N, C-alpha and C. Protein backbone atom coordinates (compact mmCIF):
# COMPACT_ATOMS: atom_id res chain seq x y z
N UNK A 1 3.02 11.91 -12.13
CA UNK A 1 4.25 11.31 -12.65
C UNK A 1 5.29 11.27 -11.54
N UNK A 2 5.92 10.12 -11.37
CA UNK A 2 6.95 9.96 -10.35
C UNK A 2 8.29 10.36 -10.95
N UNK A 3 8.91 11.38 -10.37
CA UNK A 3 10.19 11.87 -10.86
C UNK A 3 11.17 11.96 -9.69
N UNK A 4 12.04 10.97 -9.59
CA UNK A 4 13.08 10.97 -8.57
C UNK A 4 14.38 11.53 -9.17
N UNK A 5 15.31 11.97 -8.33
CA UNK A 5 16.58 12.48 -8.85
C UNK A 5 17.25 11.49 -9.80
N UNK A 6 17.89 12.01 -10.84
CA UNK A 6 18.47 11.16 -11.88
C UNK A 6 19.52 10.20 -11.33
N UNK A 7 20.22 10.60 -10.27
CA UNK A 7 21.24 9.73 -9.69
C UNK A 7 20.64 8.45 -9.08
N UNK A 8 19.35 8.47 -8.79
CA UNK A 8 18.71 7.28 -8.21
C UNK A 8 18.29 6.27 -9.27
N UNK A 9 18.28 6.68 -10.52
CA UNK A 9 17.78 5.81 -11.59
C UNK A 9 18.74 4.65 -11.85
N UNK A 10 18.22 3.44 -11.81
CA UNK A 10 18.99 2.23 -12.11
C UNK A 10 18.53 1.65 -13.44
N UNK A 11 17.24 1.46 -13.55
CA UNK A 11 16.59 0.92 -14.76
C UNK A 11 17.32 -0.34 -15.26
N UNK A 12 17.48 -1.28 -14.36
CA UNK A 12 18.13 -2.55 -14.69
C UNK A 12 17.07 -3.63 -14.79
N UNK A 13 17.02 -4.28 -15.93
CA UNK A 13 16.03 -5.34 -16.13
C UNK A 13 16.50 -6.63 -15.46
N UNK A 14 15.58 -7.27 -14.76
CA UNK A 14 15.87 -8.54 -14.11
C UNK A 14 15.20 -9.67 -14.90
N UNK A 15 15.94 -10.69 -15.31
CA UNK A 15 15.32 -11.81 -16.04
C UNK A 15 14.18 -12.42 -15.21
N UNK A 16 13.01 -12.46 -15.78
CA UNK A 16 11.82 -12.90 -15.04
C UNK A 16 11.97 -14.33 -14.53
N UNK A 17 12.49 -15.22 -15.36
CA UNK A 17 12.61 -16.61 -14.97
C UNK A 17 13.57 -16.78 -13.79
N UNK A 18 14.70 -16.06 -13.85
CA UNK A 18 15.68 -16.13 -12.76
C UNK A 18 15.09 -15.55 -11.49
N UNK A 19 14.31 -14.49 -11.65
CA UNK A 19 13.72 -13.81 -10.51
C UNK A 19 12.77 -14.73 -9.75
N UNK A 20 11.82 -15.34 -10.46
CA UNK A 20 10.84 -16.16 -9.73
C UNK A 20 11.41 -17.51 -9.32
N UNK A 21 12.51 -17.91 -9.97
CA UNK A 21 13.15 -19.17 -9.58
C UNK A 21 13.75 -19.07 -8.18
N UNK A 22 14.07 -17.86 -7.76
CA UNK A 22 14.67 -17.64 -6.45
C UNK A 22 13.63 -17.36 -5.37
N UNK A 23 12.35 -17.43 -5.73
CA UNK A 23 11.28 -17.19 -4.77
C UNK A 23 10.58 -18.50 -4.43
N UNK A 24 10.08 -18.59 -3.21
CA UNK A 24 9.30 -19.76 -2.81
C UNK A 24 7.84 -19.50 -3.18
N UNK A 25 7.44 -19.97 -4.34
CA UNK A 25 6.08 -19.76 -4.85
C UNK A 25 5.40 -21.11 -5.04
N UNK A 26 4.12 -21.18 -4.65
CA UNK A 26 3.39 -22.41 -4.98
C UNK A 26 3.03 -22.39 -6.46
N UNK A 27 2.52 -23.49 -6.95
CA UNK A 27 2.29 -23.63 -8.39
C UNK A 27 1.34 -22.58 -8.94
N UNK A 28 0.23 -22.33 -8.24
CA UNK A 28 -0.77 -21.39 -8.76
C UNK A 28 -0.22 -19.96 -8.80
N UNK A 29 0.54 -19.56 -7.77
CA UNK A 29 1.11 -18.22 -7.75
C UNK A 29 2.18 -18.07 -8.82
N UNK A 30 2.98 -19.12 -9.02
CA UNK A 30 4.00 -19.07 -10.06
C UNK A 30 3.36 -18.92 -11.45
N UNK A 31 2.24 -19.62 -11.65
CA UNK A 31 1.54 -19.50 -12.93
C UNK A 31 1.01 -18.08 -13.14
N UNK A 32 0.49 -17.47 -12.05
CA UNK A 32 0.02 -16.08 -12.13
C UNK A 32 1.19 -15.15 -12.40
N UNK A 33 2.31 -15.40 -11.76
CA UNK A 33 3.52 -14.59 -11.96
C UNK A 33 3.89 -14.56 -13.44
N UNK A 34 3.95 -15.74 -14.04
CA UNK A 34 4.33 -15.85 -15.45
C UNK A 34 3.28 -15.22 -16.36
N UNK A 35 2.00 -15.44 -16.03
CA UNK A 35 0.91 -14.98 -16.89
C UNK A 35 0.68 -13.48 -16.80
N UNK A 36 0.88 -12.89 -15.60
CA UNK A 36 0.51 -11.48 -15.40
C UNK A 36 1.64 -10.49 -15.62
N UNK A 37 2.88 -10.90 -15.33
CA UNK A 37 4.01 -9.97 -15.38
C UNK A 37 4.79 -10.15 -16.67
N UNK A 38 5.03 -9.04 -17.36
CA UNK A 38 5.79 -9.08 -18.61
C UNK A 38 7.29 -8.91 -18.34
N UNK A 39 7.64 -7.80 -17.67
CA UNK A 39 9.05 -7.51 -17.39
C UNK A 39 9.20 -6.97 -15.97
N UNK A 40 10.40 -7.16 -15.41
CA UNK A 40 10.72 -6.67 -14.07
C UNK A 40 11.96 -5.80 -14.15
N UNK A 41 11.89 -4.64 -13.52
CA UNK A 41 13.03 -3.71 -13.53
C UNK A 41 13.31 -3.19 -12.12
N UNK A 42 14.59 -3.04 -11.80
CA UNK A 42 14.96 -2.21 -10.66
C UNK A 42 14.99 -0.79 -11.19
N UNK A 43 14.00 0.00 -10.82
CA UNK A 43 13.85 1.33 -11.40
C UNK A 43 14.71 2.38 -10.69
N UNK A 44 14.69 2.35 -9.35
CA UNK A 44 15.44 3.35 -8.58
C UNK A 44 16.07 2.71 -7.35
N UNK A 45 17.18 3.28 -6.92
CA UNK A 45 17.83 2.90 -5.68
C UNK A 45 18.02 4.16 -4.85
N UNK A 46 17.44 4.15 -3.64
CA UNK A 46 17.54 5.32 -2.77
C UNK A 46 18.41 4.96 -1.57
N UNK A 47 19.56 5.61 -1.46
CA UNK A 47 20.47 5.39 -0.33
C UNK A 47 20.90 6.76 0.20
N UNK A 48 21.45 6.74 1.41
CA UNK A 48 21.93 7.98 2.01
C UNK A 48 23.04 8.59 1.16
N UNK A 49 23.91 7.75 0.61
CA UNK A 49 25.02 8.25 -0.20
C UNK A 49 24.53 8.93 -1.47
N UNK A 50 23.60 8.29 -2.15
CA UNK A 50 23.08 8.85 -3.40
C UNK A 50 22.35 10.16 -3.16
N UNK A 51 21.57 10.21 -2.07
CA UNK A 51 20.73 11.38 -1.80
C UNK A 51 21.40 12.39 -0.87
N UNK A 52 22.65 12.12 -0.48
CA UNK A 52 23.41 13.03 0.40
C UNK A 52 22.66 13.26 1.71
N UNK A 53 22.32 12.16 2.37
CA UNK A 53 21.57 12.22 3.62
C UNK A 53 22.42 11.71 4.78
N UNK A 54 21.90 11.91 5.98
CA UNK A 54 22.51 11.35 7.18
C UNK A 54 22.57 9.82 7.03
N UNK A 55 23.73 9.25 7.27
CA UNK A 55 23.93 7.81 7.02
C UNK A 55 23.67 6.94 8.25
N UNK A 56 23.14 7.54 9.33
CA UNK A 56 22.93 6.78 10.56
C UNK A 56 21.61 6.01 10.58
N UNK A 57 20.83 6.10 9.52
CA UNK A 57 19.51 5.46 9.49
C UNK A 57 19.63 3.94 9.55
N UNK A 58 18.60 3.32 10.09
CA UNK A 58 18.56 1.86 10.16
C UNK A 58 18.40 1.25 8.77
N UNK A 59 17.54 1.87 7.96
CA UNK A 59 17.32 1.40 6.58
C UNK A 59 18.45 1.93 5.70
N UNK A 60 19.11 1.04 4.99
CA UNK A 60 20.24 1.44 4.16
C UNK A 60 19.88 1.70 2.70
N UNK A 61 18.82 1.03 2.23
CA UNK A 61 18.46 1.20 0.82
C UNK A 61 16.98 0.90 0.59
N UNK A 62 16.36 1.73 -0.20
CA UNK A 62 14.99 1.49 -0.67
C UNK A 62 15.07 1.29 -2.18
N UNK A 63 14.49 0.21 -2.66
CA UNK A 63 14.45 -0.05 -4.10
C UNK A 63 13.04 0.15 -4.63
N UNK A 64 12.95 0.79 -5.78
CA UNK A 64 11.68 0.87 -6.50
C UNK A 64 11.72 -0.21 -7.57
N UNK A 65 10.83 -1.17 -7.43
CA UNK A 65 10.76 -2.30 -8.37
C UNK A 65 9.60 -2.05 -9.32
N UNK A 66 9.92 -1.92 -10.60
CA UNK A 66 8.87 -1.68 -11.60
C UNK A 66 8.46 -2.99 -12.27
N UNK A 67 7.17 -3.24 -12.26
CA UNK A 67 6.63 -4.42 -12.92
C UNK A 67 5.79 -3.98 -14.10
N UNK A 68 6.23 -4.35 -15.30
CA UNK A 68 5.43 -4.10 -16.50
C UNK A 68 4.43 -5.24 -16.62
N UNK A 69 3.15 -4.91 -16.52
CA UNK A 69 2.11 -5.92 -16.45
C UNK A 69 1.50 -6.21 -17.82
N UNK A 70 0.93 -7.41 -17.94
CA UNK A 70 0.24 -7.79 -19.17
C UNK A 70 -1.23 -7.39 -19.13
N UNK A 71 -1.70 -7.00 -17.93
CA UNK A 71 -3.05 -6.51 -17.77
C UNK A 71 -3.10 -5.64 -16.52
N UNK A 72 -4.20 -4.92 -16.35
CA UNK A 72 -4.32 -4.00 -15.23
C UNK A 72 -4.77 -4.75 -13.98
N UNK A 73 -3.89 -5.65 -13.54
CA UNK A 73 -4.23 -6.48 -12.39
C UNK A 73 -2.97 -7.20 -11.95
N UNK A 74 -2.91 -7.55 -10.66
CA UNK A 74 -1.79 -8.34 -10.15
C UNK A 74 -2.25 -9.09 -8.91
N UNK A 75 -1.91 -10.34 -8.84
CA UNK A 75 -2.22 -11.15 -7.66
C UNK A 75 -1.43 -10.60 -6.46
N UNK A 76 -2.12 -10.12 -5.41
CA UNK A 76 -1.43 -9.53 -4.26
C UNK A 76 -0.37 -10.43 -3.64
N UNK A 77 -0.60 -11.75 -3.64
CA UNK A 77 0.35 -12.67 -3.01
C UNK A 77 1.70 -12.67 -3.73
N UNK A 78 1.71 -12.29 -5.01
CA UNK A 78 2.98 -12.18 -5.73
C UNK A 78 3.82 -11.06 -5.11
N UNK A 79 3.20 -9.91 -4.89
CA UNK A 79 3.92 -8.78 -4.31
C UNK A 79 4.32 -9.07 -2.87
N UNK A 80 3.42 -9.68 -2.12
CA UNK A 80 3.73 -10.04 -0.74
C UNK A 80 4.95 -10.96 -0.67
N UNK A 81 4.96 -11.97 -1.54
CA UNK A 81 6.06 -12.94 -1.53
C UNK A 81 7.38 -12.28 -1.89
N UNK A 82 7.37 -11.44 -2.92
CA UNK A 82 8.60 -10.74 -3.32
C UNK A 82 9.13 -9.89 -2.16
N UNK A 83 8.23 -9.13 -1.52
CA UNK A 83 8.64 -8.23 -0.44
C UNK A 83 9.16 -9.00 0.77
N UNK A 84 8.47 -10.07 1.15
CA UNK A 84 8.84 -10.81 2.35
C UNK A 84 10.13 -11.59 2.18
N UNK A 85 10.48 -11.92 0.91
CA UNK A 85 11.69 -12.70 0.68
C UNK A 85 12.85 -11.85 0.16
N UNK A 86 12.71 -10.53 0.31
CA UNK A 86 13.76 -9.62 -0.14
C UNK A 86 14.29 -8.83 1.05
N UNK A 87 15.59 -8.65 1.11
CA UNK A 87 16.20 -7.96 2.26
C UNK A 87 16.01 -6.45 2.19
N UNK A 88 15.70 -5.92 1.03
CA UNK A 88 15.53 -4.48 0.87
C UNK A 88 14.11 -4.04 1.22
N UNK A 89 13.97 -2.76 1.49
CA UNK A 89 12.65 -2.15 1.58
C UNK A 89 12.21 -1.86 0.14
N UNK A 90 11.05 -2.37 -0.25
CA UNK A 90 10.63 -2.29 -1.65
C UNK A 90 9.38 -1.42 -1.82
N UNK A 91 9.42 -0.61 -2.85
CA UNK A 91 8.23 0.08 -3.35
C UNK A 91 7.95 -0.53 -4.72
N UNK A 92 6.73 -0.99 -4.92
CA UNK A 92 6.34 -1.57 -6.20
C UNK A 92 5.65 -0.52 -7.07
N UNK A 93 6.12 -0.40 -8.30
CA UNK A 93 5.48 0.44 -9.30
C UNK A 93 4.99 -0.48 -10.40
N UNK A 94 3.68 -0.66 -10.47
CA UNK A 94 3.09 -1.52 -11.49
C UNK A 94 2.60 -0.65 -12.64
N UNK A 95 2.94 -1.04 -13.86
CA UNK A 95 2.53 -0.28 -15.03
C UNK A 95 1.83 -1.18 -16.05
N UNK A 96 0.74 -0.67 -16.58
CA UNK A 96 0.07 -1.33 -17.68
C UNK A 96 -0.37 -0.25 -18.66
N UNK A 97 0.24 -0.27 -19.86
CA UNK A 97 0.00 0.76 -20.86
C UNK A 97 0.24 2.14 -20.23
N UNK A 98 -0.74 3.02 -20.21
CA UNK A 98 -0.53 4.37 -19.67
C UNK A 98 -1.06 4.52 -18.25
N UNK A 99 -1.28 3.38 -17.57
CA UNK A 99 -1.80 3.43 -16.20
C UNK A 99 -0.80 2.79 -15.24
N UNK A 100 -0.96 3.10 -13.97
CA UNK A 100 -0.04 2.53 -12.99
C UNK A 100 -0.65 2.53 -11.60
N UNK A 101 0.01 1.85 -10.68
CA UNK A 101 -0.37 1.84 -9.29
C UNK A 101 0.87 1.60 -8.45
N UNK A 102 0.80 1.98 -7.18
CA UNK A 102 1.91 1.77 -6.25
C UNK A 102 1.50 0.76 -5.18
N UNK A 103 2.46 0.02 -4.69
CA UNK A 103 2.18 -0.93 -3.61
C UNK A 103 3.39 -1.01 -2.69
N UNK A 104 3.12 -1.30 -1.43
CA UNK A 104 4.19 -1.46 -0.46
C UNK A 104 3.75 -2.50 0.56
N UNK A 105 4.71 -3.31 1.01
CA UNK A 105 4.40 -4.32 2.03
C UNK A 105 4.97 -3.84 3.36
N UNK A 106 4.08 -3.68 4.35
CA UNK A 106 4.50 -3.29 5.70
C UNK A 106 3.57 -4.01 6.66
N UNK A 107 3.98 -5.19 7.10
CA UNK A 107 3.16 -6.11 7.89
C UNK A 107 2.04 -6.72 7.05
N UNK A 108 1.56 -5.98 6.09
CA UNK A 108 0.61 -6.49 5.10
C UNK A 108 0.74 -5.63 3.85
N UNK A 109 0.08 -6.02 2.77
CA UNK A 109 0.21 -5.30 1.51
C UNK A 109 -0.76 -4.14 1.44
N UNK A 110 -0.24 -2.99 1.03
CA UNK A 110 -1.07 -1.80 0.78
C UNK A 110 -0.90 -1.42 -0.69
N UNK A 111 -2.02 -1.05 -1.33
CA UNK A 111 -1.99 -0.70 -2.75
C UNK A 111 -2.76 0.59 -3.00
N UNK A 112 -2.23 1.40 -3.90
CA UNK A 112 -2.98 2.57 -4.34
C UNK A 112 -3.91 2.15 -5.47
N UNK A 113 -4.92 2.95 -5.79
CA UNK A 113 -5.78 2.61 -6.94
C UNK A 113 -5.00 2.77 -8.25
N UNK A 114 -5.43 2.04 -9.27
CA UNK A 114 -4.88 2.26 -10.61
C UNK A 114 -5.31 3.64 -11.09
N UNK A 115 -4.42 4.32 -11.78
CA UNK A 115 -4.74 5.65 -12.33
C UNK A 115 -3.79 5.93 -13.49
N UNK A 116 -4.07 6.97 -14.28
CA UNK A 116 -3.12 7.35 -15.33
C UNK A 116 -1.75 7.64 -14.73
N UNK A 117 -0.68 7.22 -15.42
CA UNK A 117 0.67 7.41 -14.90
C UNK A 117 0.97 8.87 -14.59
N UNK A 118 0.38 9.77 -15.36
CA UNK A 118 0.64 11.21 -15.14
C UNK A 118 0.06 11.68 -13.81
N UNK A 119 -0.90 10.91 -13.26
CA UNK A 119 -1.51 11.28 -11.98
C UNK A 119 -0.94 10.49 -10.80
N UNK A 120 0.06 9.66 -11.08
CA UNK A 120 0.66 8.83 -10.03
C UNK A 120 1.83 9.59 -9.42
N UNK A 121 1.75 9.85 -8.12
CA UNK A 121 2.77 10.68 -7.47
C UNK A 121 3.37 9.97 -6.26
N UNK A 122 4.65 10.17 -6.07
CA UNK A 122 5.35 9.69 -4.88
C UNK A 122 6.53 10.63 -4.66
N UNK A 123 6.56 11.27 -3.51
CA UNK A 123 7.58 12.28 -3.24
C UNK A 123 8.59 11.79 -2.21
N UNK A 124 9.85 12.16 -2.43
CA UNK A 124 10.91 11.89 -1.47
C UNK A 124 10.88 12.99 -0.42
N UNK A 125 10.54 12.62 0.81
CA UNK A 125 10.44 13.58 1.91
C UNK A 125 11.22 13.03 3.10
N UNK A 126 12.13 13.82 3.65
CA UNK A 126 12.86 13.38 4.83
C UNK A 126 14.35 13.65 4.74
N UNK A 127 15.02 13.57 5.89
CA UNK A 127 16.46 13.84 5.97
C UNK A 127 17.27 12.57 6.21
N UNK A 128 16.57 11.43 6.35
CA UNK A 128 17.24 10.13 6.45
C UNK A 128 16.44 9.14 5.61
N UNK A 129 17.03 8.00 5.31
CA UNK A 129 16.32 6.97 4.54
C UNK A 129 15.14 6.44 5.35
N UNK A 130 15.30 6.37 6.68
CA UNK A 130 14.18 5.95 7.54
C UNK A 130 12.98 6.87 7.37
N UNK A 131 13.23 8.18 7.38
CA UNK A 131 12.14 9.16 7.24
C UNK A 131 11.51 9.06 5.86
N UNK A 132 12.32 8.86 4.84
CA UNK A 132 11.78 8.71 3.48
C UNK A 132 10.85 7.50 3.41
N UNK A 133 11.28 6.39 4.03
CA UNK A 133 10.45 5.18 4.04
C UNK A 133 9.11 5.44 4.74
N UNK A 134 9.15 6.12 5.87
CA UNK A 134 7.92 6.43 6.60
C UNK A 134 6.99 7.28 5.75
N UNK A 135 7.53 8.26 5.06
CA UNK A 135 6.69 9.12 4.21
C UNK A 135 6.16 8.36 2.99
N UNK A 136 6.93 7.40 2.48
CA UNK A 136 6.41 6.55 1.41
C UNK A 136 5.20 5.75 1.92
N UNK A 137 5.32 5.22 3.13
CA UNK A 137 4.21 4.48 3.73
C UNK A 137 2.99 5.38 3.86
N UNK A 138 3.19 6.61 4.31
CA UNK A 138 2.07 7.55 4.44
C UNK A 138 1.39 7.77 3.11
N UNK A 139 2.18 7.96 2.06
CA UNK A 139 1.62 8.30 0.74
C UNK A 139 0.91 7.13 0.08
N UNK A 140 1.34 5.90 0.37
CA UNK A 140 0.75 4.73 -0.27
C UNK A 140 -0.28 4.05 0.63
N UNK A 141 0.10 3.81 1.89
CA UNK A 141 -0.74 3.00 2.78
C UNK A 141 -1.86 3.78 3.44
N UNK A 142 -1.67 5.08 3.67
CA UNK A 142 -2.69 5.87 4.36
C UNK A 142 -3.64 6.55 3.38
N UNK A 143 -4.13 5.76 2.44
CA UNK A 143 -5.04 6.28 1.42
C UNK A 143 -6.38 6.71 2.01
N UNK A 144 -6.78 6.08 3.14
CA UNK A 144 -8.12 6.31 3.68
C UNK A 144 -8.10 7.07 5.00
N UNK A 145 -6.97 7.67 5.33
CA UNK A 145 -6.93 8.45 6.57
C UNK A 145 -7.81 9.68 6.40
N UNK A 146 -8.64 10.03 7.40
CA UNK A 146 -9.52 11.19 7.29
C UNK A 146 -8.77 12.45 6.90
N UNK A 147 -9.34 13.24 6.00
CA UNK A 147 -8.69 14.45 5.50
C UNK A 147 -8.36 15.41 6.64
N UNK A 148 -9.26 15.53 7.60
CA UNK A 148 -9.04 16.44 8.72
C UNK A 148 -8.39 15.74 9.91
N UNK A 149 -7.64 14.70 9.61
CA UNK A 149 -7.05 13.91 10.67
C UNK A 149 -6.12 14.74 11.55
N UNK A 150 -6.20 14.49 12.85
CA UNK A 150 -5.32 15.15 13.81
C UNK A 150 -4.22 14.18 14.26
N UNK A 151 -4.05 13.11 13.50
CA UNK A 151 -3.15 12.04 13.93
C UNK A 151 -1.78 12.10 13.26
N UNK A 152 -1.49 13.17 12.53
CA UNK A 152 -0.26 13.25 11.76
C UNK A 152 1.01 13.08 12.56
N UNK A 153 0.98 13.40 13.85
CA UNK A 153 2.18 13.28 14.68
C UNK A 153 2.32 11.91 15.34
N UNK A 154 1.32 11.06 15.17
CA UNK A 154 1.37 9.72 15.76
C UNK A 154 2.32 8.82 14.97
N UNK A 155 2.87 7.77 15.60
CA UNK A 155 3.71 6.82 14.86
C UNK A 155 2.92 6.18 13.72
N UNK A 156 3.62 5.82 12.65
CA UNK A 156 2.97 5.28 11.47
C UNK A 156 2.17 4.02 11.78
N UNK A 157 2.68 3.17 12.69
CA UNK A 157 1.95 1.94 13.03
C UNK A 157 0.60 2.25 13.67
N UNK A 158 0.56 3.26 14.52
CA UNK A 158 -0.69 3.62 15.16
C UNK A 158 -1.67 4.23 14.16
N UNK A 159 -1.15 5.00 13.23
CA UNK A 159 -2.02 5.61 12.21
C UNK A 159 -2.61 4.54 11.30
N UNK A 160 -1.82 3.55 10.95
CA UNK A 160 -2.32 2.46 10.12
C UNK A 160 -3.37 1.64 10.86
N UNK A 161 -3.15 1.42 12.16
CA UNK A 161 -4.12 0.67 12.96
C UNK A 161 -5.44 1.43 13.06
N UNK A 162 -5.35 2.75 13.24
CA UNK A 162 -6.56 3.58 13.30
C UNK A 162 -7.32 3.52 11.98
N UNK A 163 -6.59 3.57 10.87
CA UNK A 163 -7.22 3.50 9.56
C UNK A 163 -7.95 2.18 9.38
N UNK A 164 -7.31 1.08 9.81
CA UNK A 164 -7.93 -0.24 9.69
C UNK A 164 -9.19 -0.34 10.54
N UNK A 165 -9.13 0.24 11.75
CA UNK A 165 -10.30 0.23 12.63
C UNK A 165 -11.44 1.02 12.01
N UNK A 166 -11.14 2.17 11.43
CA UNK A 166 -12.15 3.00 10.78
C UNK A 166 -12.80 2.25 9.61
N UNK A 167 -12.00 1.56 8.82
CA UNK A 167 -12.54 0.81 7.69
C UNK A 167 -13.46 -0.32 8.17
N UNK A 168 -13.08 -0.98 9.27
CA UNK A 168 -13.92 -2.05 9.81
C UNK A 168 -15.24 -1.49 10.33
N UNK A 169 -15.19 -0.34 10.99
CA UNK A 169 -16.42 0.29 11.48
C UNK A 169 -17.32 0.69 10.33
N UNK A 170 -16.75 1.23 9.27
CA UNK A 170 -17.54 1.63 8.10
C UNK A 170 -18.21 0.41 7.46
N UNK A 171 -17.49 -0.69 7.39
CA UNK A 171 -18.06 -1.93 6.85
C UNK A 171 -19.20 -2.42 7.74
N UNK A 172 -19.00 -2.34 9.04
CA UNK A 172 -20.03 -2.77 10.00
C UNK A 172 -21.28 -1.89 9.89
N UNK A 173 -21.08 -0.60 9.68
CA UNK A 173 -22.22 0.33 9.54
C UNK A 173 -23.04 -0.02 8.31
N UNK A 174 -22.36 -0.28 7.20
CA UNK A 174 -23.09 -0.63 5.97
C UNK A 174 -23.91 -1.90 6.17
N UNK A 175 -23.33 -2.88 6.84
CA UNK A 175 -24.04 -4.15 7.08
C UNK A 175 -25.24 -3.94 8.00
N UNK A 176 -25.07 -3.13 9.05
CA UNK A 176 -26.17 -2.87 9.98
C UNK A 176 -27.27 -2.05 9.34
N UNK A 177 -26.91 -1.10 8.50
CA UNK A 177 -27.92 -0.30 7.80
C UNK A 177 -28.78 -1.19 6.91
N UNK A 178 -28.12 -2.11 6.21
CA UNK A 178 -28.86 -3.03 5.33
C UNK A 178 -29.75 -3.96 6.16
N UNK A 179 -29.21 -4.48 7.26
CA UNK A 179 -29.98 -5.40 8.11
C UNK A 179 -31.16 -4.69 8.75
N UNK A 180 -30.96 -3.46 9.20
CA UNK A 180 -32.04 -2.68 9.81
C UNK A 180 -33.17 -2.41 8.82
N UNK A 181 -32.78 -2.07 7.61
CA UNK A 181 -33.76 -1.77 6.56
C UNK A 181 -34.60 -3.00 6.22
N UNK A 182 -33.97 -4.18 6.23
CA UNK A 182 -34.65 -5.40 5.79
C UNK A 182 -35.39 -6.13 6.91
N UNK A 183 -35.10 -5.79 8.17
CA UNK A 183 -35.73 -6.48 9.29
C UNK A 183 -37.20 -6.09 9.43
N UNK A 184 -38.08 -7.08 9.54
CA UNK A 184 -39.51 -6.84 9.61
C UNK A 184 -40.03 -6.78 11.06
N UNK A 185 -39.38 -7.51 11.96
CA UNK A 185 -39.86 -7.54 13.34
C UNK A 185 -39.40 -6.27 14.08
N UNK A 186 -40.34 -5.51 14.63
CA UNK A 186 -40.01 -4.23 15.29
C UNK A 186 -38.95 -4.34 16.38
N UNK A 187 -39.06 -5.38 17.23
CA UNK A 187 -38.11 -5.52 18.32
C UNK A 187 -36.69 -5.75 17.81
N UNK A 188 -36.54 -6.64 16.84
CA UNK A 188 -35.23 -6.92 16.28
C UNK A 188 -34.70 -5.70 15.51
N UNK A 189 -35.64 -5.02 14.85
CA UNK A 189 -35.24 -3.83 14.10
C UNK A 189 -34.71 -2.74 15.04
N UNK A 190 -35.35 -2.59 16.19
CA UNK A 190 -34.90 -1.60 17.16
C UNK A 190 -33.53 -1.97 17.73
N UNK A 191 -33.32 -3.26 17.96
CA UNK A 191 -32.02 -3.72 18.46
C UNK A 191 -30.91 -3.42 17.45
N UNK A 192 -31.20 -3.69 16.19
CA UNK A 192 -30.23 -3.40 15.13
C UNK A 192 -29.97 -1.91 15.02
N UNK A 193 -31.05 -1.12 15.12
CA UNK A 193 -30.91 0.33 15.02
C UNK A 193 -30.06 0.87 16.17
N UNK A 194 -30.28 0.34 17.36
CA UNK A 194 -29.49 0.77 18.52
C UNK A 194 -28.02 0.45 18.31
N UNK A 195 -27.75 -0.75 17.83
CA UNK A 195 -26.36 -1.15 17.56
C UNK A 195 -25.74 -0.26 16.49
N UNK A 196 -26.53 0.09 15.47
CA UNK A 196 -26.06 0.95 14.40
C UNK A 196 -25.63 2.31 14.95
N UNK A 197 -26.42 2.88 15.84
CA UNK A 197 -26.09 4.18 16.42
C UNK A 197 -24.81 4.10 17.25
N UNK A 198 -24.63 2.98 17.94
CA UNK A 198 -23.43 2.79 18.76
C UNK A 198 -22.17 2.74 17.88
N UNK A 199 -22.28 2.03 16.77
CA UNK A 199 -21.13 1.91 15.87
C UNK A 199 -20.84 3.24 15.18
N UNK A 200 -21.91 3.97 14.82
CA UNK A 200 -21.71 5.29 14.22
C UNK A 200 -21.02 6.23 15.20
N UNK A 201 -21.40 6.14 16.48
CA UNK A 201 -20.76 6.98 17.50
C UNK A 201 -19.29 6.61 17.65
N UNK A 202 -18.99 5.32 17.61
CA UNK A 202 -17.61 4.86 17.71
C UNK A 202 -16.78 5.38 16.53
N UNK A 203 -17.38 5.38 15.33
CA UNK A 203 -16.70 5.89 14.15
C UNK A 203 -16.46 7.39 14.28
N UNK A 204 -17.47 8.12 14.76
CA UNK A 204 -17.34 9.56 14.93
C UNK A 204 -16.22 9.89 15.93
N UNK A 205 -16.17 9.14 17.02
CA UNK A 205 -15.12 9.36 18.02
C UNK A 205 -13.74 9.06 17.45
N UNK A 206 -13.66 8.02 16.63
CA UNK A 206 -12.38 7.63 16.04
C UNK A 206 -11.89 8.66 15.03
N UNK A 207 -12.78 9.13 14.17
CA UNK A 207 -12.37 10.07 13.13
C UNK A 207 -12.11 11.46 13.64
N UNK A 208 -12.76 11.82 14.75
CA UNK A 208 -12.56 13.16 15.31
C UNK A 208 -11.55 13.21 16.44
N UNK A 209 -11.09 12.01 16.83
CA UNK A 209 -10.18 11.93 17.97
C UNK A 209 -8.73 12.22 17.59
C-alpha cells in the first residue's frame, strides 16, 4: 500500500474529456484512452515546501497521477504521451478493482507488474525532490537489477543501461539455446553452442561486474 504524508494528498479529479483534448493523440490512441480509462486524478503533489526539503533541487514538483482503469491493462503509448506532454515529473498509479501497478517515463516507459494494491509499495526517500525522483526511478524502473548488484552507487542512467543490456543478453541466450537444441548439422550446432557460451560469459561478467 502506498502511503504518502497527508499534506501531499490532492485527490483532485480531472475531467477525462478535457484532459485528452489537450493531448496530441492519434485516433486509435484516443479511442483506447476513452475505452480503457474510467477516471483521472491528481493523487499527490510532492514539493520541497510540502515535504520540508532543501529547495535548491532542479525538480520542483512530482505529481502522482492516478488512473482508474476499466480493465487490468493500459496502452503504453497513452502513458508515454501524457508524460512527454506534461511539464511535471509524473508517477502513474493505475488501479483496477483491488489491483494496481506503477509506471514512470524516463527516456522510455517503465512499468511494474500488476499486483494487489496492498502489495504495491513506493517510498519517499531523499533530502531533495531530485533525490526522491531518483529513488522513485530505482523502485519502479530497476525491477530487473540483479539482487546482488554492486552498481548501487552508479548514476541511475548507467544502471538502467546495464539492466537493458542484461535483458538483451538473456533474450539472446534463450534464442541461442533453442537454436542449438533444434540444429541438426553438427558443425552449425557447434558454432551456435560456441556463441551461446560467449553470450553467457558476457552476461556473467555484466551481472558480477
